[in-house]
N, C-alpha and C. Protein backbone atom coordinates (compact mmCIF):
# COMPACT_ATOMS: atom_id res chain seq x y z
N MET A 1 0.78 -1.18 0.02
CA MET A 1 -0.04 -0.18 -0.08
C MET A 1 0.71 1.18 -0.09
N GLY A 2 2.01 1.17 0.47
CA GLY A 2 2.90 2.35 0.40
C GLY A 2 2.90 3.16 1.73
N LEU A 3 1.99 2.88 2.67
CA LEU A 3 2.03 3.42 3.90
C LEU A 3 2.47 2.56 4.93
N VAL A 4 3.47 3.17 5.75
CA VAL A 4 3.97 2.44 6.92
C VAL A 4 3.13 2.40 8.03
N ASN A 5 2.42 3.59 8.55
CA ASN A 5 1.57 3.41 9.61
C ASN A 5 0.32 4.19 9.28
N MET A 6 -0.84 3.44 8.95
CA MET A 6 -1.96 4.02 8.62
C MET A 6 -2.62 4.92 9.92
N ASP A 7 -2.41 4.92 11.16
CA ASP A 7 -2.88 5.61 11.92
C ASP A 7 -2.44 7.14 11.70
N ASP A 8 -1.37 7.41 11.20
CA ASP A 8 -0.88 8.64 10.96
C ASP A 8 -1.21 9.34 9.65
N ALA A 9 -1.75 8.17 8.94
CA ALA A 9 -2.23 8.69 7.34
C ALA A 9 -3.27 9.53 7.31
N GLY A 10 -3.07 10.64 6.33
CA GLY A 10 -4.06 11.72 6.17
C GLY A 10 -4.91 11.09 4.86
N ALA A 11 -5.72 11.99 4.64
CA ALA A 11 -6.69 11.41 3.51
C ALA A 11 -5.95 11.60 2.24
N ASP A 12 -4.99 12.52 2.05
CA ASP A 12 -4.05 12.65 0.79
C ASP A 12 -3.08 11.32 0.72
N GLU A 13 -2.86 10.85 1.94
CA GLU A 13 -1.99 9.64 2.09
C GLU A 13 -2.71 8.21 1.68
N VAL A 14 -4.02 8.43 2.05
CA VAL A 14 -4.75 7.31 1.68
C VAL A 14 -5.04 7.16 0.27
N LYS A 15 -5.27 8.44 -0.44
CA LYS A 15 -5.27 8.32 -2.04
C LYS A 15 -4.01 7.91 -2.47
N THR A 16 -3.09 8.19 -2.06
CA THR A 16 -1.76 7.76 -2.66
C THR A 16 -1.50 6.13 -2.55
N ALA A 17 -2.07 5.61 -1.32
CA ALA A 17 -1.87 4.26 -1.07
C ALA A 17 -2.91 3.55 -2.18
N LEU A 18 -4.04 4.10 -2.64
CA LEU A 18 -4.76 3.66 -3.37
C LEU A 18 -4.41 3.58 -4.76
N GLY A 19 -3.31 4.53 -5.05
CA GLY A 19 -2.93 4.94 -6.37
C GLY A 19 -3.69 5.70 -7.20
N ILE A 20 -4.49 6.96 -6.39
CA ILE A 20 -5.17 7.68 -7.21
C ILE A 20 -4.77 9.19 -6.64
N ASP A 21 -5.00 10.04 -7.68
CA ASP A 21 -4.68 11.38 -6.89
C ASP A 21 -5.93 12.45 -6.78
N ASN A 22 -7.10 11.63 -6.80
CA ASN A 22 -8.19 12.44 -6.86
C ASN A 22 -9.28 11.26 -6.53
N TRP A 23 -10.42 11.80 -5.64
CA TRP A 23 -11.35 10.81 -5.19
C TRP A 23 -12.20 10.47 -6.33
N ARG A 24 -12.53 11.43 -7.47
CA ARG A 24 -13.18 10.90 -8.54
C ARG A 24 -12.66 9.85 -9.24
N LYS A 25 -11.43 9.60 -9.16
CA LYS A 25 -10.73 8.36 -9.77
C LYS A 25 -11.06 7.01 -8.90
N LEU A 26 -11.85 7.24 -7.98
CA LEU A 26 -12.07 5.96 -7.03
C LEU A 26 -13.07 4.85 -7.86
N SER A 27 -12.54 3.80 -8.22
CA SER A 27 -13.21 2.79 -8.87
C SER A 27 -13.83 1.83 -8.00
N LYS A 28 -14.55 0.76 -8.36
CA LYS A 28 -15.11 -0.33 -7.67
C LYS A 28 -14.00 -0.81 -6.82
N ASP A 29 -12.89 -1.14 -7.75
CA ASP A 29 -11.79 -1.89 -6.90
C ASP A 29 -11.22 -1.12 -5.78
N HIS A 30 -10.94 0.17 -5.98
CA HIS A 30 -10.37 1.05 -5.06
C HIS A 30 -11.12 1.16 -3.92
N VAL A 31 -12.68 1.03 -4.02
CA VAL A 31 -13.48 0.98 -2.92
C VAL A 31 -13.31 -0.21 -1.99
N LEU A 32 -13.29 -1.43 -2.77
CA LEU A 32 -13.06 -2.50 -1.93
C LEU A 32 -11.58 -2.60 -1.19
N GLN A 33 -10.61 -2.00 -1.81
CA GLN A 33 -9.44 -1.96 -1.15
C GLN A 33 -9.35 -0.97 -0.03
N LEU A 34 -10.27 0.20 -0.29
CA LEU A 34 -10.14 1.16 0.88
C LEU A 34 -11.23 0.56 1.99
N VAL A 35 -12.20 -0.05 1.54
CA VAL A 35 -13.02 -0.61 2.84
C VAL A 35 -12.16 -1.54 3.56
N ALA A 36 -11.09 -2.40 2.81
CA ALA A 36 -10.33 -3.24 3.80
C ALA A 36 -9.43 -2.65 4.48
N MET A 37 -8.90 -1.41 4.01
CA MET A 37 -7.89 -0.80 4.70
C MET A 37 -8.49 0.21 5.88
N MET A 38 -9.66 0.60 5.79
CA MET A 38 -10.51 1.20 6.90
C MET A 38 -10.20 0.79 8.37
N PRO A 39 -9.97 -0.57 8.74
CA PRO A 39 -9.67 -0.89 10.15
C PRO A 39 -8.47 -0.39 10.66
N ASP A 40 -7.60 -0.03 9.73
CA ASP A 40 -6.11 0.41 10.09
C ASP A 40 -6.05 1.93 10.23
N PHE A 41 -7.08 2.30 9.87
CA PHE A 41 -7.03 4.15 10.00
C PHE A 41 -7.35 4.44 11.36
N ASP A 42 -6.76 5.81 11.55
CA ASP A 42 -7.09 6.29 12.78
C ASP A 42 -8.50 6.83 12.82
N LYS A 43 -9.31 7.18 13.69
CA LYS A 43 -10.56 7.56 13.67
C LYS A 43 -10.69 8.69 12.90
N ASP A 44 -9.84 9.73 13.20
CA ASP A 44 -9.94 11.04 12.24
C ASP A 44 -9.58 10.81 11.05
N VAL A 45 -8.97 10.10 10.31
CA VAL A 45 -8.52 9.79 8.97
C VAL A 45 -9.71 9.22 8.57
N ARG A 46 -10.35 8.29 9.26
CA ARG A 46 -11.70 7.67 8.70
C ARG A 46 -12.85 8.75 8.61
N LEU A 47 -12.80 9.50 9.33
CA LEU A 47 -13.90 10.45 9.34
C LEU A 47 -13.69 11.41 8.06
N ALA A 48 -12.32 11.72 7.98
CA ALA A 48 -11.97 12.74 6.99
C ALA A 48 -12.14 12.26 5.65
N VAL A 49 -12.03 10.70 5.47
CA VAL A 49 -12.13 9.95 4.22
C VAL A 49 -13.66 9.97 4.00
N LEU A 50 -14.13 9.74 4.80
CA LEU A 50 -15.92 9.55 4.61
C LEU A 50 -16.46 11.02 4.24
N LYS A 51 -16.09 12.23 4.97
CA LYS A 51 -16.65 13.45 4.66
C LYS A 51 -16.17 13.63 2.91
N GLN A 52 -15.03 13.17 2.56
CA GLN A 52 -14.86 13.70 1.27
C GLN A 52 -15.50 12.42 0.19
N LEU A 53 -16.24 11.59 0.82
CA LEU A 53 -16.78 10.60 -0.15
C LEU A 53 -18.29 10.36 0.28
N PRO A 54 -19.22 11.22 0.12
CA PRO A 54 -20.55 11.22 0.61
C PRO A 54 -21.45 10.06 -0.03
N GLU A 55 -20.56 9.76 -1.25
CA GLU A 55 -21.38 8.87 -2.26
C GLU A 55 -20.95 7.43 -1.81
N LEU A 56 -20.05 6.85 -0.86
CA LEU A 56 -19.58 5.86 -0.58
C LEU A 56 -20.31 4.85 -0.35
N GLN A 57 -21.69 5.05 0.03
CA GLN A 57 -22.63 3.89 0.33
C GLN A 57 -23.02 3.41 -1.07
N LYS A 58 -23.34 4.22 -1.94
CA LYS A 58 -23.72 4.05 -3.42
C LYS A 58 -22.61 3.20 -4.05
N ILE A 59 -21.42 3.72 -3.85
CA ILE A 59 -20.23 3.20 -4.63
C ILE A 59 -19.76 1.71 -4.08
N VAL A 60 -19.86 1.46 -2.82
CA VAL A 60 -19.81 0.26 -1.92
C VAL A 60 -20.79 -0.64 -2.51
N GLY A 61 -22.03 -0.21 -2.52
CA GLY A 61 -23.38 -0.98 -2.84
C GLY A 61 -23.09 -1.63 -4.11
N LYS A 62 -22.39 -0.75 -5.43
CA LYS A 62 -22.18 -1.31 -6.62
C LYS A 62 -21.00 -1.99 -6.68
N ALA A 63 -19.94 -2.04 -5.70
CA ALA A 63 -18.90 -2.67 -5.88
C ALA A 63 -19.46 -4.18 -5.25
N MET A 64 -20.15 -4.22 -4.18
CA MET A 64 -20.78 -5.47 -3.49
C MET A 64 -21.66 -6.12 -4.47
N THR A 65 -22.33 -5.50 -5.23
CA THR A 65 -23.20 -6.18 -6.46
C THR A 65 -22.36 -6.96 -7.33
N ALA A 66 -21.23 -6.20 -7.86
CA ALA A 66 -20.39 -6.85 -8.69
C ALA A 66 -19.69 -7.85 -8.23
N ALA A 67 -19.14 -7.62 -6.79
CA ALA A 67 -18.61 -8.88 -6.24
C ALA A 67 -19.36 -10.32 -5.98
N ARG A 68 -20.77 -9.99 -5.86
CA ARG A 68 -21.70 -11.01 -5.60
C ARG A 68 -21.86 -11.64 -7.03
N LYS A 69 -21.89 -10.99 -7.98
CA LYS A 69 -22.34 -11.74 -9.27
C LYS A 69 -21.03 -12.80 -9.52
N VAL A 70 -19.91 -12.09 -9.23
CA VAL A 70 -18.64 -12.81 -9.58
C VAL A 70 -18.50 -13.95 -8.78
N HIS A 71 -19.14 -13.62 -7.45
CA HIS A 71 -19.26 -15.03 -6.59
C HIS A 71 -20.32 -16.00 -6.90
N GLU A 72 -21.30 -15.51 -7.51
CA GLU A 72 -22.43 -16.45 -8.02
C GLU A 72 -21.80 -17.30 -9.42
N ALA A 73 -21.18 -16.54 -10.24
CA ALA A 73 -20.88 -17.27 -11.44
C ALA A 73 -19.86 -18.27 -11.10
N THR A 74 -18.88 -17.91 -10.09
CA THR A 74 -17.77 -18.78 -9.62
C THR A 74 -18.51 -20.21 -9.09
N LEU A 75 -19.50 -20.05 -8.45
CA LEU A 75 -20.35 -21.18 -7.52
C LEU A 75 -20.97 -21.80 -8.92
N ALA A 76 -21.50 -21.19 -9.64
CA ALA A 76 -22.18 -21.97 -10.75
C ALA A 76 -21.32 -22.60 -11.53
N SER A 77 -20.11 -22.02 -11.83
CA SER A 77 -19.03 -22.91 -12.55
C SER A 77 -18.46 -24.09 -11.90
N ASN A 78 -18.41 -23.87 -10.57
CA ASN A 78 -17.99 -25.23 -9.77
C ASN A 78 -18.97 -26.22 -9.38
N ASP A 79 -20.45 -25.78 -9.64
CA ASP A 79 -21.40 -26.77 -9.61
C ASP A 79 -21.32 -27.53 -10.86
N LYS A 80 -21.14 -26.88 -12.05
CA LYS A 80 -21.09 -27.41 -13.27
C LYS A 80 -19.85 -28.39 -13.49
N SER A 81 -18.90 -27.97 -12.94
CA SER A 81 -17.67 -28.84 -12.98
C SER A 81 -17.62 -30.23 -11.91
N GLN A 82 -18.35 -29.91 -10.98
CA GLN A 82 -18.56 -30.96 -10.01
C GLN A 82 -19.53 -31.95 -10.65
N GLU A 83 -20.35 -31.49 -11.26
CA GLU A 83 -21.31 -32.35 -12.06
C GLU A 83 -20.86 -33.19 -13.08
N ASN A 84 -19.78 -32.43 -13.80
CA ASN A 84 -19.27 -33.15 -14.91
C ASN A 84 -18.33 -34.27 -14.27
N ASP A 85 -17.79 -34.03 -13.11
CA ASP A 85 -16.94 -34.97 -12.45
C ASP A 85 -17.71 -36.15 -11.88
N TYR A 86 -18.77 -35.99 -11.35
CA TYR A 86 -19.67 -37.11 -10.77
C TYR A 86 -20.15 -37.81 -12.18
N GLN A 87 -20.51 -37.07 -13.33
CA GLN A 87 -21.03 -37.89 -14.35
C GLN A 87 -19.93 -38.69 -14.91
N GLY A 88 -18.55 -38.51 -14.96
CA GLY A 88 -17.72 -39.37 -15.51
C GLY A 88 -17.54 -40.43 -14.35
N ARG A 89 -17.67 -40.20 -13.18
CA ARG A 89 -17.31 -41.40 -12.22
C ARG A 89 -18.63 -42.33 -12.52
N ARG A 90 -19.84 -41.80 -12.61
CA ARG A 90 -20.98 -42.80 -13.00
C ARG A 90 -20.72 -43.56 -14.22
N GLU A 91 -20.18 -42.83 -15.23
CA GLU A 91 -19.77 -43.58 -16.33
C GLU A 91 -18.71 -44.52 -16.22
N ALA A 92 -17.52 -44.35 -15.55
CA ALA A 92 -16.71 -45.18 -15.15
C ALA A 92 -17.40 -46.63 -14.56
N ARG A 93 -17.92 -46.30 -13.41
CA ARG A 93 -18.58 -47.51 -12.70
C ARG A 93 -19.68 -48.14 -13.72
N ALA A 94 -20.33 -47.74 -14.49
CA ALA A 94 -20.92 -48.44 -15.33
C ALA A 94 -20.27 -49.30 -16.22
N SER A 95 -19.25 -48.92 -16.57
CA SER A 95 -18.47 -49.47 -17.49
C SER A 95 -17.74 -50.92 -16.94
N ILE A 96 -17.54 -50.59 -15.64
CA ILE A 96 -16.77 -51.81 -14.79
C ILE A 96 -17.85 -52.60 -14.63
N ILE A 97 -19.03 -52.35 -14.21
CA ILE A 97 -20.13 -52.91 -13.97
C ILE A 97 -20.25 -53.99 -15.13
N ALA A 98 -20.74 -53.29 -16.03
CA ALA A 98 -20.67 -53.80 -17.44
C ALA A 98 -19.46 -55.16 -17.79
N GLN A 99 -18.41 -54.72 -17.40
CA GLN A 99 -17.52 -55.78 -17.76
C GLN A 99 -17.26 -56.78 -16.81
N LEU A 100 -17.61 -56.44 -15.59
CA LEU A 100 -18.11 -57.56 -14.60
C LEU A 100 -19.22 -58.52 -14.89
N GLU A 101 -20.04 -58.14 -15.32
CA GLU A 101 -21.32 -58.86 -15.84
C GLU A 101 -21.19 -59.92 -16.76
N ARG A 102 -20.11 -59.66 -17.71
CA ARG A 102 -19.80 -60.56 -18.81
C ARG A 102 -19.34 -61.60 -18.41
N ASP A 103 -20.06 -62.91 -18.80
CA ASP A 103 -19.57 -64.29 -18.59
C ASP A 103 -18.37 -64.57 -19.41
N ASP A 104 -18.00 -64.12 -20.45
CA ASP A 104 -17.00 -64.45 -21.49
C ASP A 104 -15.44 -64.05 -21.04
N LEU A 105 -15.33 -63.19 -20.00
CA LEU A 105 -14.02 -62.69 -19.54
C LEU A 105 -13.37 -63.71 -18.41
N ASP A 106 -12.34 -63.72 -18.49
CA ASP A 106 -11.46 -64.56 -17.54
C ASP A 106 -11.20 -63.56 -16.38
N PRO A 107 -10.96 -64.10 -15.26
CA PRO A 107 -10.90 -63.20 -14.13
C PRO A 107 -9.82 -62.18 -14.28
N GLN A 108 -8.69 -62.44 -14.96
CA GLN A 108 -7.54 -61.51 -15.24
C GLN A 108 -8.04 -60.18 -16.03
N THR A 109 -8.72 -60.58 -17.17
CA THR A 109 -9.47 -59.55 -18.03
C THR A 109 -10.30 -58.71 -17.22
N ARG A 110 -11.02 -59.28 -16.52
CA ARG A 110 -11.99 -58.78 -15.64
C ARG A 110 -11.64 -57.73 -14.67
N ARG A 111 -10.43 -58.00 -14.10
CA ARG A 111 -10.03 -57.20 -13.32
C ARG A 111 -9.66 -55.55 -13.68
N PRO A 112 -10.01 -54.57 -13.06
CA PRO A 112 -9.99 -53.37 -13.39
C PRO A 112 -8.62 -52.80 -13.62
N ALA A 113 -8.20 -51.88 -14.64
CA ALA A 113 -6.69 -51.68 -14.76
C ALA A 113 -6.28 -50.70 -13.47
N CYS A 114 -7.25 -50.31 -12.82
CA CYS A 114 -6.61 -49.18 -11.70
C CYS A 114 -6.37 -50.15 -10.55
N ILE A 115 -6.54 -51.23 -10.32
CA ILE A 115 -6.26 -52.14 -9.08
C ILE A 115 -4.89 -52.74 -9.18
């Protein structure tokens, strides 16, 4: 972040730590970074930053909405990947069962390759 002691940081130093020179350049990513940094700020610094950002609640709301969408997309992708894995395992079991049910195979041929 570039700041050694956030308790002594002023609002300008917070902007520098975020890599911006003006609060108008505050993006959703910066807001998440700022919110994560807030517990390390001195109370007066927090108040100074919040006074300069009266729209922070709206910005944080938009950032959280975006983060939720990414999270939901990740969960959906994970569910699909997991279902593909389960389907592959079901197919492998079905194949093994089909081979075990064949009467024309000797015990060595019937033995699965993974054992």
